[in-house]
Amino acid sequence: MSIGVLSMTRLPAVAATAEDLNKDAAHTLQTLYKLNKTAELLSKKSKGILVFPKIVKAGLVFGGSYGEGVLMQSGHITEYYNSVSASWGWQAGAETYAYVVFLMSDQAVQYLTKSQGWEFGVGPNVVVVNEGVAKNLSTSTIKDDAYAFITDQQGLMGSLSFEGTKISRIKR
């Protein structure tokens, strides 16, 4: 059953065209900036911004997620990427969400563009920003390579599992 769920996750997360993906990414960023002023602050200091407007995640013991996004540098889209994850453990459900990763150093951008795919936990240090982190973040406290925001969560997913995520360049 979970294999069937996984095979269905790829289709809804794929944007119809590069134009659709560009538009969805811009909308995701604008929505995030309205909801979280810290994100807007980070955007002004970042060297690149990865925007994944829709990730689809599903699982029942075995799970996975898929979504496509863009890399923006100096306000322009420079590359397209996908985000793929696999997980195993206690989990059940399905959800969609968006996530945005602010790359704060030239080294983080170079790692992304030159590697065969960026695996979270390997390479640049990523901090997931929640309300507590956001309250303590300012231009003088930015120290890490990347800051990730998860937004627009819909659906229900219960999980206590091991998960790995990989971001890879794609052609659009």
C-alpha atoms as a PDB file:
ATOM      1  CA  MET A   1       0.000   0.000   0.000  1.00  0.00           C
ATOM      2  CA  SER A   2       2.737   2.491   0.838  1.00  0.00           C
ATOM      3  CA  ILE A   3       4.424   1.867  -2.535  1.00  0.00           C
ATOM      4  CA  GLY A   4       1.229   2.974  -4.253  1.00  0.00           C
ATOM      5  CA  VAL A   5       1.076   6.064  -2.083  1.00  0.00           C
ATOM      6  CA  LEU A   6       4.692   6.871  -2.926  1.00  0.00           C
ATOM      7  CA  SER A   7       4.155   6.527  -6.652  1.00  0.00           C
ATOM      8  CA  MET A   8       1.269   9.005  -6.499  1.00  0.00           C
ATOM      9  CA  THR A   9       3.319  11.629  -4.642  1.00  0.00           C
ATOM     10  CA  ARG A  10       5.411  12.605  -7.635  1.00  0.00           C
ATOM     11  CA  LEU A  11       2.640  13.737  -9.955  1.00  0.00           C
ATOM     12  CA  PRO A  12       0.959  16.561  -8.012  1.00  0.00           C
ATOM     13  CA  ALA A  13       4.262  18.186  -6.983  1.00  0.00           C
ATOM     14  CA  VAL A  14       5.518  18.662 -10.545  1.00  0.00           C
ATOM     15  CA  ALA A  15       4.816  22.110 -11.953  1.00  0.00           C
ATOM     16  CA  ALA A  16       3.244  22.074 -15.412  1.00  0.00           C
ATOM     17  CA  THR A  17       5.885  24.378 -16.907  1.00  0.00           C
ATOM     18  CA  ALA A  18       8.921  26.399 -15.885  1.00  0.00           C
ATOM     19  CA  GLU A  19       6.676  29.483 -15.979  1.00  0.00           C
ATOM     20  CA  ASP A  20       4.249  27.861 -13.519  1.00  0.00           C
ATOM     21  CA  LEU A  21       7.105  26.925 -11.197  1.00  0.00           C
ATOM     22  CA  ASN A  22       8.547  30.461 -11.406  1.00  0.00           C
ATOM     23  CA  LYS A  23       5.146  31.980 -10.593  1.00  0.00           C
ATOM     24  CA  ASP A  24       4.495  29.558  -7.718  1.00  0.00           C
ATOM     25  CA  ALA A  25       7.961  30.223  -6.261  1.00  0.00           C
ATOM     26  CA  ALA A  26       7.439  34.007  -6.375  1.00  0.00           C
ATOM     27  CA  HIS A  27       4.045  33.626  -4.686  1.00  0.00           C
ATOM     28  CA  THR A  28       5.530  31.368  -1.976  1.00  0.00           C
ATOM     29  CA  LEU A  29       8.255  33.917  -1.218  1.00  0.00           C
ATOM     30  CA  GLN A  30       5.832  36.847  -1.046  1.00  0.00           C
ATOM     31  CA  THR A  31       3.524  34.910   1.275  1.00  0.00           C
ATOM     32  CA  LEU A  32       6.452  33.954   3.532  1.00  0.00           C
ATOM     33  CA  TYR A  33       7.645  37.578   3.720  1.00  0.00           C
ATOM     34  CA  LYS A  34       4.165  38.734   4.762  1.00  0.00           C
ATOM     35  CA  LEU A  35       3.988  36.095   7.504  1.00  0.00           C
ATOM     36  CA  ASN A  36       7.558  36.290   8.763  1.00  0.00           C
ATOM     37  CA  LYS A  37       9.638  39.472   8.757  1.00  0.00           C
ATOM     38  CA  THR A  38      12.751  37.467   9.707  1.00  0.00           C
ATOM     39  CA  ALA A  39      12.544  35.697   6.349  1.00  0.00           C
ATOM     40  CA  GLU A  40      12.486  39.030   4.566  1.00  0.00           C
ATOM     41  CA  LEU A  41      15.522  40.146   6.597  1.00  0.00           C
ATOM     42  CA  LEU A  42      17.406  36.979   5.618  1.00  0.00           C
ATOM     43  CA  SER A  43      16.528  37.491   1.945  1.00  0.00           C
ATOM     44  CA  LYS A  44      18.399  40.806   1.936  1.00  0.00           C
ATOM     45  CA  LYS A  45      21.576  39.175   3.297  1.00  0.00           C
ATOM     46  CA  SER A  46      21.394  35.858   1.433  1.00  0.00           C
ATOM     47  CA  LYS A  47      23.574  34.810  -1.488  1.00  0.00           C
ATOM     48  CA  GLY A  48      20.853  32.538  -2.856  1.00  0.00           C
ATOM     49  CA  ILE A  49      17.325  31.375  -2.051  1.00  0.00           C
ATOM     50  CA  LEU A  50      15.977  27.890  -2.755  1.00  0.00           C
ATOM     51  CA  VAL A  51      12.181  27.956  -3.052  1.00  0.00           C
ATOM     52  CA  PHE A  52      10.108  24.761  -3.163  1.00  0.00           C
ATOM     53  CA  PRO A  53       6.473  25.927  -3.518  1.00  0.00           C
ATOM     54  CA  LYS A  54       4.903  22.482  -3.085  1.00  0.00           C
ATOM     55  CA  ILE A  55       6.328  19.329  -1.570  1.00  0.00           C
ATOM     56  CA  VAL A  56       4.034  16.307  -1.402  1.00  0.00           C
ATOM     57  CA  LYS A  57       4.793  13.841   1.389  1.00  0.00           C
ATOM     58  CA  ALA A  58       3.054  10.541   2.133  1.00  0.00           C
ATOM     59  CA  GLY A  59       3.844   7.436   4.092  1.00  0.00           C
ATOM     60  CA  LEU A  60       2.672   4.311   5.805  1.00  0.00           C
ATOM     61  CA  VAL A  61       5.744   2.759   7.510  1.00  0.00           C
ATOM     62  CA  PHE A  62       7.747   3.587   4.348  1.00  0.00           C
ATOM     63  CA  GLY A  63       7.318   7.092   3.021  1.00  0.00           C
ATOM     64  CA  GLY A  64       8.692   9.734   0.766  1.00  0.00           C
ATOM     65  CA  SER A  65       8.282  13.191  -0.601  1.00  0.00           C
ATOM     66  CA  TYR A  66       8.904  15.037  -3.838  1.00  0.00           C
ATOM     67  CA  GLY A  67       8.758  18.597  -5.070  1.00  0.00           C
ATOM     68  CA  GLU A  68      10.390  20.945  -7.542  1.00  0.00           C
ATOM     69  CA  GLY A  69      11.803  24.372  -6.917  1.00  0.00           C
ATOM     70  CA  VAL A  70      14.061  27.179  -8.035  1.00  0.00           C
ATOM     71  CA  LEU A  71      17.334  28.768  -6.985  1.00  0.00           C
ATOM     72  CA  MET A  72      17.145  32.548  -6.982  1.00  0.00           C
ATOM     73  CA  GLN A  73      20.215  34.769  -6.927  1.00  0.00           C
ATOM     74  CA  SER A  74      20.025  38.567  -6.975  1.00  0.00           C
ATOM     75  CA  GLY A  75      16.274  38.343  -7.585  1.00  0.00           C
ATOM     76  CA  HIS A  76      16.606  36.123 -10.687  1.00  0.00           C
ATOM     77  CA  ILE A  77      15.976  32.412 -11.149  1.00  0.00           C
ATOM     78  CA  THR A  78      19.267  30.756 -12.055  1.00  0.00           C
ATOM     79  CA  GLU A  79      18.593  26.999 -11.730  1.00  0.00           C
ATOM     80  CA  TYR A  80      15.853  24.442 -11.097  1.00  0.00           C
ATOM     81  CA  TYR A  81      16.023  21.737  -8.432  1.00  0.00           C
ATOM     82  CA  ASN A  82      14.035  18.874  -6.992  1.00  0.00           C
ATOM     83  CA  SER A  83      13.778  17.735  -3.413  1.00  0.00           C
ATOM     84  CA  VAL A  84      13.379  14.014  -2.770  1.00  0.00           C
ATOM     85  CA  SER A  85      13.175  12.272   0.563  1.00  0.00           C
ATOM     86  CA  ALA A  86      12.702   8.738   1.761  1.00  0.00           C
ATOM     87  CA  SER A  87      11.761   7.673   5.249  1.00  0.00           C
ATOM     88  CA  TRP A  88      11.194   4.576   7.304  1.00  0.00           C
ATOM     89  CA  GLY A  89       9.598   4.160  10.705  1.00  0.00           C
ATOM     90  CA  TRP A  90       6.349   4.883  12.466  1.00  0.00           C
ATOM     91  CA  GLN A  91       4.463   7.166  10.106  1.00  0.00           C
ATOM     92  CA  ALA A  92       1.057   7.454   8.524  1.00  0.00           C
ATOM     93  CA  GLY A  93      -0.635  10.130   6.483  1.00  0.00           C
ATOM     94  CA  ALA A  94      -0.106  12.632   3.717  1.00  0.00           C
ATOM     95  CA  GLU A  95       0.634  16.338   3.609  1.00  0.00           C
ATOM     96  CA  THR A  96       1.818  19.125   1.373  1.00  0.00           C
ATOM     97  CA  TYR A  97       3.993  22.042   2.353  1.00  0.00           C
ATOM     98  CA  ALA A  98       6.339  24.645   0.945  1.00  0.00           C
ATOM     99  CA  TYR A  99       9.854  25.286   2.072  1.00  0.00           C
ATOM    100  CA  VAL A 100      12.357  28.030   1.494  1.00  0.00           C
ATOM    101  CA  VAL A 101      16.083  27.795   2.228  1.00  0.00           C
ATOM    102  CA  PHE A 102      18.121  30.995   2.500  1.00  0.00           C
ATOM    103  CA  LEU A 103      21.758  30.316   1.562  1.00  0.00           C
ATOM    104  CA  MET A 104      23.826  32.826   3.516  1.00  0.00           C
ATOM    105  CA  SER A 105      27.317  32.235   2.147  1.00  0.00           C
ATOM    106  CA  ASP A 106      28.992  31.909  -1.233  1.00  0.00           C
ATOM    107  CA  GLN A 107      30.285  28.508  -0.059  1.00  0.00           C
ATOM    108  CA  ALA A 108      26.733  27.231   0.539  1.00  0.00           C
ATOM    109  CA  VAL A 109      25.663  28.306  -2.967  1.00  0.00           C
ATOM    110  CA  GLN A 110      28.807  26.786  -4.497  1.00  0.00           C
ATOM    111  CA  TYR A 111      28.242  23.528  -2.638  1.00  0.00           C
ATOM    112  CA  LEU A 112      24.703  23.341  -4.017  1.00  0.00           C
ATOM    113  CA  THR A 113      25.638  24.182  -7.605  1.00  0.00           C
ATOM    114  CA  LYS A 114      28.792  22.038  -7.800  1.00  0.00           C
ATOM    115  CA  SER A 115      27.749  18.921  -5.896  1.00  0.00           C
ATOM    116  CA  GLN A 116      25.821  15.997  -7.328  1.00  0.00           C
ATOM    117  CA  GLY A 117      23.036  16.858  -4.921  1.00  0.00           C
ATOM    118  CA  TRP A 118      22.840  18.359  -1.480  1.00  0.00           C
ATOM    119  CA  GLU A 119      21.899  15.956   1.274  1.00  0.00           C
ATOM    120  CA  PHE A 120      20.665  17.662   4.425  1.00  0.00           C
ATOM    121  CA  GLY A 121      23.036  16.710   7.217  1.00  0.00           C
ATOM    122  CA  VAL A 122      25.985  16.691   4.797  1.00  0.00           C
ATOM    123  CA  GLY A 123      27.654  19.894   3.624  1.00  0.00           C
ATOM    124  CA  PRO A 124      26.507  23.336   4.780  1.00  0.00           C
ATOM    125  CA  ASN A 125      24.820  23.644   8.178  1.00  0.00           C
ATOM    126  CA  VAL A 126      21.039  24.191   7.906  1.00  0.00           C
ATOM    127  CA  VAL A 127      18.971  25.729  10.718  1.00  0.00           C
ATOM    128  CA  VAL A 128      15.204  25.169  10.556  1.00  0.00           C
ATOM    129  CA  VAL A 129      13.611  28.427  11.650  1.00  0.00           C
ATOM    130  CA  ASN A 130      10.669  28.199  14.035  1.00  0.00           C
ATOM    131  CA  GLU A 131       9.133  30.986  16.123  1.00  0.00           C
ATOM    132  CA  GLY A 132      11.776  30.730  18.834  1.00  0.00           C
ATOM    133  CA  VAL A 133      14.689  30.896  16.394  1.00  0.00           C
ATOM    134  CA  ALA A 134      13.032  33.741  14.464  1.00  0.00           C
ATOM    135  CA  LYS A 135      12.678  35.876  17.615  1.00  0.00           C
ATOM    136  CA  ASN A 136      16.415  35.661  18.311  1.00  0.00           C
ATOM    137  CA  LEU A 137      17.619  36.138  14.726  1.00  0.00           C
ATOM    138  CA  SER A 138      18.964  39.495  13.584  1.00  0.00           C
ATOM    139  CA  THR A 139      21.582  40.719  11.133  1.00  0.00           C
ATOM    140  CA  SER A 140      24.216  40.436  13.871  1.00  0.00           C
ATOM    141  CA  THR A 141      23.289  36.859  14.888  1.00  0.00           C
ATOM    142  CA  ILE A 142      23.296  35.307  11.402  1.00  0.00           C
ATOM    143  CA  LYS A 143      26.093  32.737  11.613  1.00  0.00           C
ATOM    144  CA  ASP A 144      24.948  29.594   9.862  1.00  0.00           C
ATOM    145  CA  ASP A 145      25.235  28.618   6.183  1.00  0.00           C
ATOM    146  CA  ALA A 146      21.508  28.198   5.572  1.00  0.00           C
ATOM    147  CA  TYR A 147      18.152  28.902   7.194  1.00  0.00           C
ATOM    148  CA  ALA A 148      15.039  26.922   6.225  1.00  0.00           C
ATOM    149  CA  PHE A 149      11.387  27.932   6.655  1.00  0.00           C
ATOM    150  CA  ILE A 150       8.525  25.458   6.289  1.00  0.00           C
ATOM    151  CA  THR A 151       5.179  27.017   5.436  1.00  0.00           C
ATOM    152  CA  ASP A 152       1.720  26.344   3.995  1.00  0.00           C
ATOM    153  CA  GLN A 153       1.356  22.919   5.619  1.00  0.00           C
ATOM    154  CA  GLN A 154      -1.839  21.065   4.698  1.00  0.00           C
ATOM    155  CA  GLY A 155      -2.909  17.531   5.477  1.00  0.00           C
ATOM    156  CA  LEU A 156      -2.112  15.259   8.389  1.00  0.00           C
ATOM    157  CA  MET A 157       1.082  13.315   8.903  1.00  0.00           C
ATOM    158  CA  GLY A 158       2.117  11.565  12.104  1.00  0.00           C
ATOM    159  CA  SER A 159       5.731  10.485  12.089  1.00  0.00           C
ATOM    160  CA  LEU A 160       8.519   9.133  14.235  1.00  0.00           C
ATOM    161  CA  SER A 161      10.918   7.961  11.570  1.00  0.00           C
ATOM    162  CA  PHE A 162      14.360   8.173   9.994  1.00  0.00           C
ATOM    163  CA  GLU A 163      14.410  10.444   6.978  1.00  0.00           C
ATOM    164  CA  GLY A 164      16.921  11.613   4.413  1.00  0.00           C
ATOM    165  CA  THR A 165      16.441  14.477   1.960  1.00  0.00           C
ATOM    166  CA  LYS A 166      18.422  15.221  -1.183  1.00  0.00           C
ATOM    167  CA  ILE A 167      18.239  18.318  -3.378  1.00  0.00           C
ATOM    168  CA  SER A 168      19.436  17.887  -6.971  1.00  0.00           C
ATOM    169  CA  ARG A 169      19.589  20.089 -10.059  1.00  0.00           C
ATOM    170  CA  ILE A 170      17.052  19.366 -12.801  1.00  0.00           C
ATOM    171  CA  LYS A 171      16.483  20.714 -16.295  1.00  0.00           C
ATOM    172  CA  ARG A 172      13.357  22.747 -16.980  1.00  0.00           C
END
